[in-house]
Amino acid sequence: FAEVLDAASQAVMAELDQPDVDDYDF
């Protein structure tokens, strides 16, 4: 169960790699 949430957390952080997203988006 925790692995699912960890993977989701990583997927959310991957959004910061998008060119139009602020690296410090709170």
mmCIF file of all heavy atoms, coordinates in Angstrom:
data_MODEL
# 
_entry.id   MODEL 
# 
loop_
_atom_site.group_PDB 
_atom_site.id 
_atom_site.type_symbol 
_atom_site.label_atom_id 
_atom_site.label_alt_id 
_atom_site.label_comp_id 
_atom_site.label_asym_id 
_atom_site.label_entity_id 
_atom_site.label_seq_id 
_atom_site.pdbx_PDB_ins_code 
_atom_site.Cartn_x 
_atom_site.Cartn_y 
_atom_site.Cartn_z 
_atom_site.occupancy 
_atom_site.B_iso_or_equiv 
_atom_site.pdbx_formal_charge 
_atom_site.auth_seq_id 
_atom_site.auth_comp_id 
_atom_site.auth_asym_id 
_atom_site.auth_atom_id 
_atom_site.pdbx_PDB_model_num 
ATOM 1   N N   . PHE A 1 1  ? 0.841  -1.193 0.000   1.00 0.00 ? 1  PHE A N   1 
ATOM 2   C CA  . PHE A 1 1  ? 0.000  0.000  0.000   1.00 0.00 ? 1  PHE A CA  1 
ATOM 3   C C   . PHE A 1 1  ? 0.882  1.251  0.000   1.00 0.00 ? 1  PHE A C   1 
ATOM 4   O O   . PHE A 1 1  ? 0.654  2.203  -0.754  1.00 0.00 ? 1  PHE A O   1 
ATOM 5   C CB  . PHE A 1 1  ? -0.922 -0.033 1.213   1.00 0.00 ? 1  PHE A CB  1 
ATOM 6   C CG  . PHE A 1 1  ? -2.021 0.999  1.226   1.00 0.00 ? 1  PHE A CG  1 
ATOM 7   C CD1 . PHE A 1 1  ? -2.335 1.762  0.121   1.00 0.00 ? 1  PHE A CD1 1 
ATOM 8   C CD2 . PHE A 1 1  ? -2.750 1.201  2.380   1.00 0.00 ? 1  PHE A CD2 1 
ATOM 9   C CE1 . PHE A 1 1  ? -3.352 2.707  0.145   1.00 0.00 ? 1  PHE A CE1 1 
ATOM 10  C CE2 . PHE A 1 1  ? -3.767 2.145  2.424   1.00 0.00 ? 1  PHE A CE2 1 
ATOM 11  C CZ  . PHE A 1 1  ? -4.062 2.900  1.310   1.00 0.00 ? 1  PHE A CZ  1 
ATOM 12  N N   . ALA A 1 2  ? 1.920  1.236  0.830   1.00 0.00 ? 2  ALA A N   1 
ATOM 13  C CA  . ALA A 1 2  ? 2.826  2.382  0.906   1.00 0.00 ? 2  ALA A CA  1 
ATOM 14  C C   . ALA A 1 2  ? 3.542  2.612  -0.421  1.00 0.00 ? 2  ALA A C   1 
ATOM 15  O O   . ALA A 1 2  ? 3.771  3.761  -0.817  1.00 0.00 ? 2  ALA A O   1 
ATOM 16  C CB  . ALA A 1 2  ? 3.827  2.176  2.038   1.00 0.00 ? 2  ALA A CB  1 
ATOM 17  N N   . GLU A 1 3  ? 3.887  1.551  -1.127  1.00 0.00 ? 3  GLU A N   1 
ATOM 18  C CA  . GLU A 1 3  ? 4.549  1.688  -2.427  1.00 0.00 ? 3  GLU A CA  1 
ATOM 19  C C   . GLU A 1 3  ? 3.666  2.426  -3.436  1.00 0.00 ? 3  GLU A C   1 
ATOM 20  O O   . GLU A 1 3  ? 4.168  3.195  -4.250  1.00 0.00 ? 3  GLU A O   1 
ATOM 21  C CB  . GLU A 1 3  ? 4.944  0.324  -2.974  1.00 0.00 ? 3  GLU A CB  1 
ATOM 22  C CG  . GLU A 1 3  ? 6.144  -0.279 -2.284  1.00 0.00 ? 3  GLU A CG  1 
ATOM 23  C CD  . GLU A 1 3  ? 6.470  -1.681 -2.790  1.00 0.00 ? 3  GLU A CD  1 
ATOM 24  O OE1 . GLU A 1 3  ? 5.982  -2.077 -3.867  1.00 0.00 ? 3  GLU A OE1 1 
ATOM 25  O OE2 . GLU A 1 3  ? 7.201  -2.379 -2.078  1.00 0.00 ? 3  GLU A OE2 1 
ATOM 26  N N   . VAL A 1 4  ? 2.365  2.178  -3.365  1.00 0.00 ? 4  VAL A N   1 
ATOM 27  C CA  . VAL A 1 4  ? 1.438  2.880  -4.266  1.00 0.00 ? 4  VAL A CA  1 
ATOM 28  C C   . VAL A 1 4  ? 1.495  4.381  -3.977  1.00 0.00 ? 4  VAL A C   1 
ATOM 29  O O   . VAL A 1 4  ? 1.586  5.208  -4.891  1.00 0.00 ? 4  VAL A O   1 
ATOM 30  C CB  . VAL A 1 4  ? -0.001 2.345  -4.105  1.00 0.00 ? 4  VAL A CB  1 
ATOM 31  C CG1 . VAL A 1 4  ? -0.996 3.213  -4.862  1.00 0.00 ? 4  VAL A CG1 1 
ATOM 32  C CG2 . VAL A 1 4  ? -0.083 0.899  -4.571  1.00 0.00 ? 4  VAL A CG2 1 
ATOM 33  N N   . LEU A 1 5  ? 1.466  4.737  -2.701  1.00 0.00 ? 5  LEU A N   1 
ATOM 34  C CA  . LEU A 1 5  ? 1.498  6.157  -2.339  1.00 0.00 ? 5  LEU A CA  1 
ATOM 35  C C   . LEU A 1 5  ? 2.855  6.779  -2.643  1.00 0.00 ? 5  LEU A C   1 
ATOM 36  O O   . LEU A 1 5  ? 2.927  7.936  -3.079  1.00 0.00 ? 5  LEU A O   1 
ATOM 37  C CB  . LEU A 1 5  ? 1.137  6.323  -0.864  1.00 0.00 ? 5  LEU A CB  1 
ATOM 38  C CG  . LEU A 1 5  ? -0.292 5.892  -0.516  1.00 0.00 ? 5  LEU A CG  1 
ATOM 39  C CD1 . LEU A 1 5  ? -0.514 5.979  0.987   1.00 0.00 ? 5  LEU A CD1 1 
ATOM 40  C CD2 . LEU A 1 5  ? -1.317 6.708  -1.268  1.00 0.00 ? 5  LEU A CD2 1 
ATOM 41  N N   . ASP A 1 6  ? 3.942  6.028  -2.442  1.00 0.00 ? 6  ASP A N   1 
ATOM 42  C CA  . ASP A 1 6  ? 5.270  6.536  -2.799  1.00 0.00 ? 6  ASP A CA  1 
ATOM 43  C C   . ASP A 1 6  ? 5.368  6.794  -4.304  1.00 0.00 ? 6  ASP A C   1 
ATOM 44  O O   . ASP A 1 6  ? 5.913  7.810  -4.735  1.00 0.00 ? 6  ASP A O   1 
ATOM 45  C CB  . ASP A 1 6  ? 6.364  5.549  -2.388  1.00 0.00 ? 6  ASP A CB  1 
ATOM 46  C CG  . ASP A 1 6  ? 6.687  5.610  -0.909  1.00 0.00 ? 6  ASP A CG  1 
ATOM 47  O OD1 . ASP A 1 6  ? 6.442  6.659  -0.269  1.00 0.00 ? 6  ASP A OD1 1 
ATOM 48  O OD2 . ASP A 1 6  ? 7.205  4.596  -0.386  1.00 0.00 ? 6  ASP A OD2 1 
ATOM 49  N N   . ALA A 1 7  ? 4.848  5.869  -5.096  1.00 0.00 ? 7  ALA A N   1 
ATOM 50  C CA  . ALA A 1 7  ? 4.873  6.048  -6.553  1.00 0.00 ? 7  ALA A CA  1 
ATOM 51  C C   . ALA A 1 7  ? 4.050  7.270  -6.961  1.00 0.00 ? 7  ALA A C   1 
ATOM 52  O O   . ALA A 1 7  ? 4.455  8.035  -7.846  1.00 0.00 ? 7  ALA A O   1 
ATOM 53  C CB  . ALA A 1 7  ? 4.348  4.792  -7.248  1.00 0.00 ? 7  ALA A CB  1 
ATOM 54  N N   . ALA A 1 8  ? 2.907  7.460  -6.303  1.00 0.00 ? 8  ALA A N   1 
ATOM 55  C CA  . ALA A 1 8  ? 2.080  8.639  -6.592  1.00 0.00 ? 8  ALA A CA  1 
ATOM 56  C C   . ALA A 1 8  ? 2.830  9.917  -6.224  1.00 0.00 ? 8  ALA A C   1 
ATOM 57  O O   . ALA A 1 8  ? 2.791  10.908 -6.965  1.00 0.00 ? 8  ALA A O   1 
ATOM 58  C CB  . ALA A 1 8  ? 0.755  8.552  -5.848  1.00 0.00 ? 8  ALA A CB  1 
ATOM 59  N N   . SER A 1 9  ? 3.531  9.892  -5.103  1.00 0.00 ? 9  SER A N   1 
ATOM 60  C CA  . SER A 1 9  ? 4.326  11.047 -4.680  1.00 0.00 ? 9  SER A CA  1 
ATOM 61  C C   . SER A 1 9  ? 5.396  11.375 -5.713  1.00 0.00 ? 9  SER A C   1 
ATOM 62  O O   . SER A 1 9  ? 5.603  12.542 -6.070  1.00 0.00 ? 9  SER A O   1 
ATOM 63  C CB  . SER A 1 9  ? 4.972  10.763 -3.322  1.00 0.00 ? 9  SER A CB  1 
ATOM 64  O OG  . SER A 1 9  ? 5.857  11.800 -2.954  1.00 0.00 ? 9  SER A OG  1 
ATOM 65  N N   . GLN A 1 10 ? 6.058  10.351 -6.210  1.00 0.00 ? 10 GLN A N   1 
ATOM 66  C CA  . GLN A 1 10 ? 7.097  10.562 -7.228  1.00 0.00 ? 10 GLN A CA  1 
ATOM 67  C C   . GLN A 1 10 ? 6.496  11.105 -8.530  1.00 0.00 ? 10 GLN A C   1 
ATOM 68  O O   . GLN A 1 10 ? 7.094  11.955 -9.191  1.00 0.00 ? 10 GLN A O   1 
ATOM 69  C CB  . GLN A 1 10 ? 7.851  9.262  -7.471  1.00 0.00 ? 10 GLN A CB  1 
ATOM 70  C CG  . GLN A 1 10 ? 8.694  8.845  -6.286  1.00 0.00 ? 10 GLN A CG  1 
ATOM 71  C CD  . GLN A 1 10 ? 9.207  7.423  -6.395  1.00 0.00 ? 10 GLN A CD  1 
ATOM 72  O OE1 . GLN A 1 10 ? 9.076  6.782  -7.425  1.00 0.00 ? 10 GLN A OE1 1 
ATOM 73  N NE2 . GLN A 1 10 ? 9.793  6.933  -5.317  1.00 0.00 ? 10 GLN A NE2 1 
ATOM 74  N N   . ALA A 1 11 ? 5.306  10.604 -8.879  1.00 0.00 ? 11 ALA A N   1 
ATOM 75  C CA  . ALA A 1 11 ? 4.643  11.088 -10.093 1.00 0.00 ? 11 ALA A CA  1 
ATOM 76  C C   . ALA A 1 11 ? 4.279  12.564 -9.960  1.00 0.00 ? 11 ALA A C   1 
ATOM 77  O O   . ALA A 1 11 ? 4.414  13.338 -10.918 1.00 0.00 ? 11 ALA A O   1 
ATOM 78  C CB  . ALA A 1 11 ? 3.390  10.252 -10.383 1.00 0.00 ? 11 ALA A CB  1 
ATOM 79  N N   . VAL A 1 12 ? 3.836  12.961 -8.777  1.00 0.00 ? 12 VAL A N   1 
ATOM 80  C CA  . VAL A 1 12 ? 3.512  14.367 -8.548  1.00 0.00 ? 12 VAL A CA  1 
ATOM 81  C C   . VAL A 1 12 ? 4.773  15.220 -8.668  1.00 0.00 ? 12 VAL A C   1 
ATOM 82  O O   . VAL A 1 12 ? 4.773  16.270 -9.319  1.00 0.00 ? 12 VAL A O   1 
ATOM 83  C CB  . VAL A 1 12 ? 2.845  14.562 -7.161  1.00 0.00 ? 12 VAL A CB  1 
ATOM 84  C CG1 . VAL A 1 12 ? 2.770  16.036 -6.795  1.00 0.00 ? 12 VAL A CG1 1 
ATOM 85  C CG2 . VAL A 1 12 ? 1.461  13.932 -7.145  1.00 0.00 ? 12 VAL A CG2 1 
ATOM 86  N N   . MET A 1 13 ? 5.872  14.760 -8.088  1.00 0.00 ? 13 MET A N   1 
ATOM 87  C CA  . MET A 1 13 ? 7.122  15.522 -8.158  1.00 0.00 ? 13 MET A CA  1 
ATOM 88  C C   . MET A 1 13 ? 7.643  15.603 -9.586  1.00 0.00 ? 13 MET A C   1 
ATOM 89  O O   . MET A 1 13 ? 8.295  16.582 -9.954  1.00 0.00 ? 13 MET A O   1 
ATOM 90  C CB  . MET A 1 13 ? 8.179  14.911 -7.237  1.00 0.00 ? 13 MET A CB  1 
ATOM 91  C CG  . MET A 1 13 ? 7.942  15.193 -5.769  1.00 0.00 ? 13 MET A CG  1 
ATOM 92  S SD  . MET A 1 13 ? 7.859  16.953 -5.376  1.00 0.00 ? 13 MET A SD  1 
ATOM 93  C CE  . MET A 1 13 ? 9.578  17.411 -5.536  1.00 0.00 ? 13 MET A CE  1 
ATOM 94  N N   . ALA A 1 14 ? 7.343  14.608 -10.402 1.00 0.00 ? 14 ALA A N   1 
ATOM 95  C CA  . ALA A 1 14 ? 7.774  14.628 -11.803 1.00 0.00 ? 14 ALA A CA  1 
ATOM 96  C C   . ALA A 1 14 ? 7.129  15.786 -12.561 1.00 0.00 ? 14 ALA A C   1 
ATOM 97  O O   . ALA A 1 14 ? 7.666  16.238 -13.583 1.00 0.00 ? 14 ALA A O   1 
ATOM 98  C CB  . ALA A 1 14 ? 7.455  13.297 -12.473 1.00 0.00 ? 14 ALA A CB  1 
ATOM 99  N N   . GLU A 1 15 ? 5.999  16.271 -12.047 1.00 0.00 ? 15 GLU A N   1 
ATOM 100 C CA  . GLU A 1 15 ? 5.349  17.423 -12.677 1.00 0.00 ? 15 GLU A CA  1 
ATOM 101 C C   . GLU A 1 15 ? 6.265  18.647 -12.671 1.00 0.00 ? 15 GLU A C   1 
ATOM 102 O O   . GLU A 1 15 ? 6.177  19.509 -13.546 1.00 0.00 ? 15 GLU A O   1 
ATOM 103 C CB  . GLU A 1 15 ? 4.039  17.764 -11.962 1.00 0.00 ? 15 GLU A CB  1 
ATOM 104 C CG  . GLU A 1 15 ? 2.943  16.742 -12.135 1.00 0.00 ? 15 GLU A CG  1 
ATOM 105 C CD  . GLU A 1 15 ? 1.681  17.112 -11.366 1.00 0.00 ? 15 GLU A CD  1 
ATOM 106 O OE1 . GLU A 1 15 ? 1.426  18.316 -11.157 1.00 0.00 ? 15 GLU A OE1 1 
ATOM 107 O OE2 . GLU A 1 15 ? 0.957  16.186 -10.973 1.00 0.00 ? 15 GLU A OE2 1 
ATOM 108 N N   . LEU A 1 16 ? 7.161  18.717 -11.676 1.00 0.00 ? 16 LEU A N   1 
ATOM 109 C CA  . LEU A 1 16 ? 8.071  19.860 -11.583 1.00 0.00 ? 16 LEU A CA  1 
ATOM 110 C C   . LEU A 1 16 ? 9.075  19.877 -12.734 1.00 0.00 ? 16 LEU A C   1 
ATOM 111 O O   . LEU A 1 16 ? 9.705  20.903 -12.990 1.00 0.00 ? 16 LEU A O   1 
ATOM 112 C CB  . LEU A 1 16 ? 8.809  19.847 -10.242 1.00 0.00 ? 16 LEU A CB  1 
ATOM 113 C CG  . LEU A 1 16 ? 7.939  20.078 -9.008  1.00 0.00 ? 16 LEU A CG  1 
ATOM 114 C CD1 . LEU A 1 16 ? 8.766  19.932 -7.748  1.00 0.00 ? 16 LEU A CD1 1 
ATOM 115 C CD2 . LEU A 1 16 ? 7.271  21.437 -9.061  1.00 0.00 ? 16 LEU A CD2 1 
ATOM 116 N N   . ASP A 1 17 ? 9.238  18.748 -13.414 1.00 0.00 ? 17 ASP A N   1 
ATOM 117 C CA  . ASP A 1 17 ? 10.165 18.669 -14.545 1.00 0.00 ? 17 ASP A CA  1 
ATOM 118 C C   . ASP A 1 17 ? 9.581  19.245 -15.829 1.00 0.00 ? 17 ASP A C   1 
ATOM 119 O O   . ASP A 1 17 ? 10.289 19.388 -16.822 1.00 0.00 ? 17 ASP A O   1 
ATOM 120 C CB  . ASP A 1 17 ? 10.576 17.215 -14.799 1.00 0.00 ? 17 ASP A CB  1 
ATOM 121 C CG  . ASP A 1 17 ? 11.387 16.634 -13.649 1.00 0.00 ? 17 ASP A CG  1 
ATOM 122 O OD1 . ASP A 1 17 ? 12.020 17.427 -12.910 1.00 0.00 ? 17 ASP A OD1 1 
ATOM 123 O OD2 . ASP A 1 17 ? 11.395 15.402 -13.490 1.00 0.00 ? 17 ASP A OD2 1 
ATOM 124 N N   . GLN A 1 18 ? 8.305  19.565 -15.801 1.00 0.00 ? 18 GLN A N   1 
ATOM 125 C CA  . GLN A 1 18 ? 7.663  20.140 -16.985 1.00 0.00 ? 18 GLN A CA  1 
ATOM 126 C C   . GLN A 1 18 ? 8.167  21.568 -17.183 1.00 0.00 ? 18 GLN A C   1 
ATOM 127 O O   . GLN A 1 18 ? 8.360  22.307 -16.213 1.00 0.00 ? 18 GLN A O   1 
ATOM 128 C CB  . GLN A 1 18 ? 6.138  20.125 -16.830 1.00 0.00 ? 18 GLN A CB  1 
ATOM 129 C CG  . GLN A 1 18 ? 5.545  18.751 -16.617 1.00 0.00 ? 18 GLN A CG  1 
ATOM 130 C CD  . GLN A 1 18 ? 5.875  17.805 -17.755 1.00 0.00 ? 18 GLN A CD  1 
ATOM 131 O OE1 . GLN A 1 18 ? 5.797  18.166 -18.915 1.00 0.00 ? 18 GLN A OE1 1 
ATOM 132 N NE2 . GLN A 1 18 ? 6.271  16.590 -17.402 1.00 0.00 ? 18 GLN A NE2 1 
ATOM 133 N N   . PRO A 1 19 ? 8.402  21.966 -18.424 1.00 0.00 ? 19 PRO A N   1 
ATOM 134 C CA  . PRO A 1 19 ? 8.996  23.289 -18.683 1.00 0.00 ? 19 PRO A CA  1 
ATOM 135 C C   . PRO A 1 19 ? 8.153  24.474 -18.210 1.00 0.00 ? 19 PRO A C   1 
ATOM 136 O O   . PRO A 1 19 ? 8.700  25.506 -17.853 1.00 0.00 ? 19 PRO A O   1 
ATOM 137 C CB  . PRO A 1 19 ? 9.157  23.328 -20.206 1.00 0.00 ? 19 PRO A CB  1 
ATOM 138 C CG  . PRO A 1 19 ? 8.391  22.190 -20.740 1.00 0.00 ? 19 PRO A CG  1 
ATOM 139 C CD  . PRO A 1 19 ? 8.138  21.220 -19.634 1.00 0.00 ? 19 PRO A CD  1 
ATOM 140 N N   . ASP A 1 20 ? 6.845  24.325 -18.171 1.00 0.00 ? 20 ASP A N   1 
ATOM 141 C CA  . ASP A 1 20 ? 5.991  25.464 -17.797 1.00 0.00 ? 20 ASP A CA  1 
ATOM 142 C C   . ASP A 1 20 ? 5.599  25.462 -16.316 1.00 0.00 ? 20 ASP A C   1 
ATOM 143 O O   . ASP A 1 20 ? 4.738  26.241 -15.908 1.00 0.00 ? 20 ASP A O   1 
ATOM 144 C CB  . ASP A 1 20 ? 4.744  25.494 -18.672 1.00 0.00 ? 20 ASP A CB  1 
ATOM 145 C CG  . ASP A 1 20 ? 3.915  24.226 -18.538 1.00 0.00 ? 20 ASP A CG  1 
ATOM 146 O OD1 . ASP A 1 20 ? 4.477  23.179 -18.159 1.00 0.00 ? 20 ASP A OD1 1 
ATOM 147 O OD2 . ASP A 1 20 ? 2.701  24.282 -18.814 1.00 0.00 ? 20 ASP A OD2 1 
ATOM 148 N N   . VAL A 1 21 ? 6.243  24.626 -15.508 1.00 0.00 ? 21 VAL A N   1 
ATOM 149 C CA  . VAL A 1 21 ? 5.899  24.523 -14.085 1.00 0.00 ? 21 VAL A CA  1 
ATOM 150 C C   . VAL A 1 21 ? 7.026  25.131 -13.248 1.00 0.00 ? 21 VAL A C   1 
ATOM 151 O O   . VAL A 1 21 ? 8.211  24.859 -13.463 1.00 0.00 ? 21 VAL A O   1 
ATOM 152 C CB  . VAL A 1 21 ? 5.667  23.051 -13.684 1.00 0.00 ? 21 VAL A CB  1 
ATOM 153 C CG1 . VAL A 1 21 ? 5.406  22.927 -12.187 1.00 0.00 ? 21 VAL A CG1 1 
ATOM 154 C CG2 . VAL A 1 21 ? 4.510  22.460 -14.477 1.00 0.00 ? 21 VAL A CG2 1 
ATOM 155 N N   . ASP A 1 22 ? 6.636  25.947 -12.289 1.00 0.00 ? 22 ASP A N   1 
ATOM 156 C CA  . ASP A 1 22 ? 7.595  26.562 -11.372 1.00 0.00 ? 22 ASP A CA  1 
ATOM 157 C C   . ASP A 1 22 ? 8.231  25.481 -10.495 1.00 0.00 ? 22 ASP A C   1 
ATOM 158 O O   . ASP A 1 22 ? 7.536  24.691 -9.849  1.00 0.00 ? 22 ASP A O   1 
ATOM 159 C CB  . ASP A 1 22 ? 6.856  27.586 -10.502 1.00 0.00 ? 22 ASP A CB  1 
ATOM 160 C CG  . ASP A 1 22 ? 7.737  28.250 -9.463  1.00 0.00 ? 22 ASP A CG  1 
ATOM 161 O OD1 . ASP A 1 22 ? 8.979  28.075 -9.508  1.00 0.00 ? 22 ASP A OD1 1 
ATOM 162 O OD2 . ASP A 1 22 ? 7.176  28.954 -8.595  1.00 0.00 ? 22 ASP A OD2 1 
ATOM 163 N N   . ASP A 1 23 ? 9.561  25.438 -10.468 1.00 0.00 ? 23 ASP A N   1 
ATOM 164 C CA  . ASP A 1 23 ? 10.290 24.438 -9.669  1.00 0.00 ? 23 ASP A CA  1 
ATOM 165 C C   . ASP A 1 23 ? 9.955  24.505 -8.183  1.00 0.00 ? 23 ASP A C   1 
ATOM 166 O O   . ASP A 1 23 ? 10.167 23.536 -7.460  1.00 0.00 ? 23 ASP A O   1 
ATOM 167 C CB  . ASP A 1 23 ? 11.800 24.618 -9.828  1.00 0.00 ? 23 ASP A CB  1 
ATOM 168 C CG  . ASP A 1 23 ? 12.296 24.221 -11.192 1.00 0.00 ? 23 ASP A CG  1 
ATOM 169 O OD1 . ASP A 1 23 ? 11.575 23.487 -11.899 1.00 0.00 ? 23 ASP A OD1 1 
ATOM 170 O OD2 . ASP A 1 23 ? 13.418 24.641 -11.550 1.00 0.00 ? 23 ASP A OD2 1 
ATOM 171 N N   . TYR A 1 24 ? 9.452  25.638 -7.737  1.00 0.00 ? 24 TYR A N   1 
ATOM 172 C CA  . TYR A 1 24 ? 9.161  25.829 -6.314  1.00 0.00 ? 24 TYR A CA  1 
ATOM 173 C C   . TYR A 1 24 ? 7.663  25.881 -6.028  1.00 0.00 ? 24 TYR A C   1 
ATOM 174 O O   . TYR A 1 24 ? 7.242  26.412 -5.002  1.00 0.00 ? 24 TYR A O   1 
ATOM 175 C CB  . TYR A 1 24 ? 9.855  27.092 -5.809  1.00 0.00 ? 24 TYR A CB  1 
ATOM 176 C CG  . TYR A 1 24 ? 11.350 27.010 -5.997  1.00 0.00 ? 24 TYR A CG  1 
ATOM 177 C CD1 . TYR A 1 24 ? 11.969 27.636 -7.066  1.00 0.00 ? 24 TYR A CD1 1 
ATOM 178 C CD2 . TYR A 1 24 ? 12.134 26.261 -5.125  1.00 0.00 ? 24 TYR A CD2 1 
ATOM 179 C CE1 . TYR A 1 24 ? 13.339 27.533 -7.259  1.00 0.00 ? 24 TYR A CE1 1 
ATOM 180 C CE2 . TYR A 1 24 ? 13.499 26.153 -5.307  1.00 0.00 ? 24 TYR A CE2 1 
ATOM 181 C CZ  . TYR A 1 24 ? 14.102 26.784 -6.377  1.00 0.00 ? 24 TYR A CZ  1 
ATOM 182 O OH  . TYR A 1 24 ? 15.454 26.675 -6.560  1.00 0.00 ? 24 TYR A OH  1 
ATOM 183 N N   . ASP A 1 25 ? 6.869  25.318 -6.909  1.00 0.00 ? 25 ASP A N   1 
ATOM 184 C CA  . ASP A 1 25 ? 5.409  25.322 -6.749  1.00 0.00 ? 25 ASP A CA  1 
ATOM 185 C C   . ASP A 1 25 ? 5.042  24.644 -5.426  1.00 0.00 ? 25 ASP A C   1 
ATOM 186 O O   . ASP A 1 25 ? 5.249  23.446 -5.236  1.00 0.00 ? 25 ASP A O   1 
ATOM 187 C CB  . ASP A 1 25 ? 4.744  24.604 -7.916  1.00 0.00 ? 25 ASP A CB  1 
ATOM 188 C CG  . ASP A 1 25 ? 3.229  24.716 -7.875  1.00 0.00 ? 25 ASP A CG  1 
ATOM 189 O OD1 . ASP A 1 25 ? 2.636  24.336 -6.852  1.00 0.00 ? 25 ASP A OD1 1 
ATOM 190 O OD2 . ASP A 1 25 ? 2.651  25.178 -8.867  1.00 0.00 ? 25 ASP A OD2 1 
ATOM 191 N N   . PHE A 1 26 ? 4.490  25.428 -4.511  1.00 0.00 ? 26 PHE A N   1 
ATOM 192 C CA  . PHE A 1 26 ? 4.173  24.932 -3.168  1.00 0.00 ? 26 PHE A CA  1 
ATOM 193 C C   . PHE A 1 26 ? 3.110  23.838 -3.193  1.00 0.00 ? 26 PHE A C   1 
ATOM 194 O O   . PHE A 1 26 ? 3.224  22.836 -2.476  1.00 0.00 ? 26 PHE A O   1 
ATOM 195 C CB  . PHE A 1 26 ? 3.712  26.091 -2.278  1.00 0.00 ? 26 PHE A CB  1 
ATOM 196 C CG  . PHE A 1 26 ? 3.304  25.652 -0.901  1.00 0.00 ? 26 PHE A CG  1 
ATOM 197 C CD1 . PHE A 1 26 ? 4.257  25.343 0.054   1.00 0.00 ? 26 PHE A CD1 1 
ATOM 198 C CD2 . PHE A 1 26 ? 1.958  25.537 -0.569  1.00 0.00 ? 26 PHE A CD2 1 
ATOM 199 C CE1 . PHE A 1 26 ? 3.886  24.922 1.325   1.00 0.00 ? 26 PHE A CE1 1 
ATOM 200 C CE2 . PHE A 1 26 ? 1.585  25.122 0.698   1.00 0.00 ? 26 PHE A CE2 1 
ATOM 201 C CZ  . PHE A 1 26 ? 2.547  24.816 1.643   1.00 0.00 ? 26 PHE A CZ  1 
# 
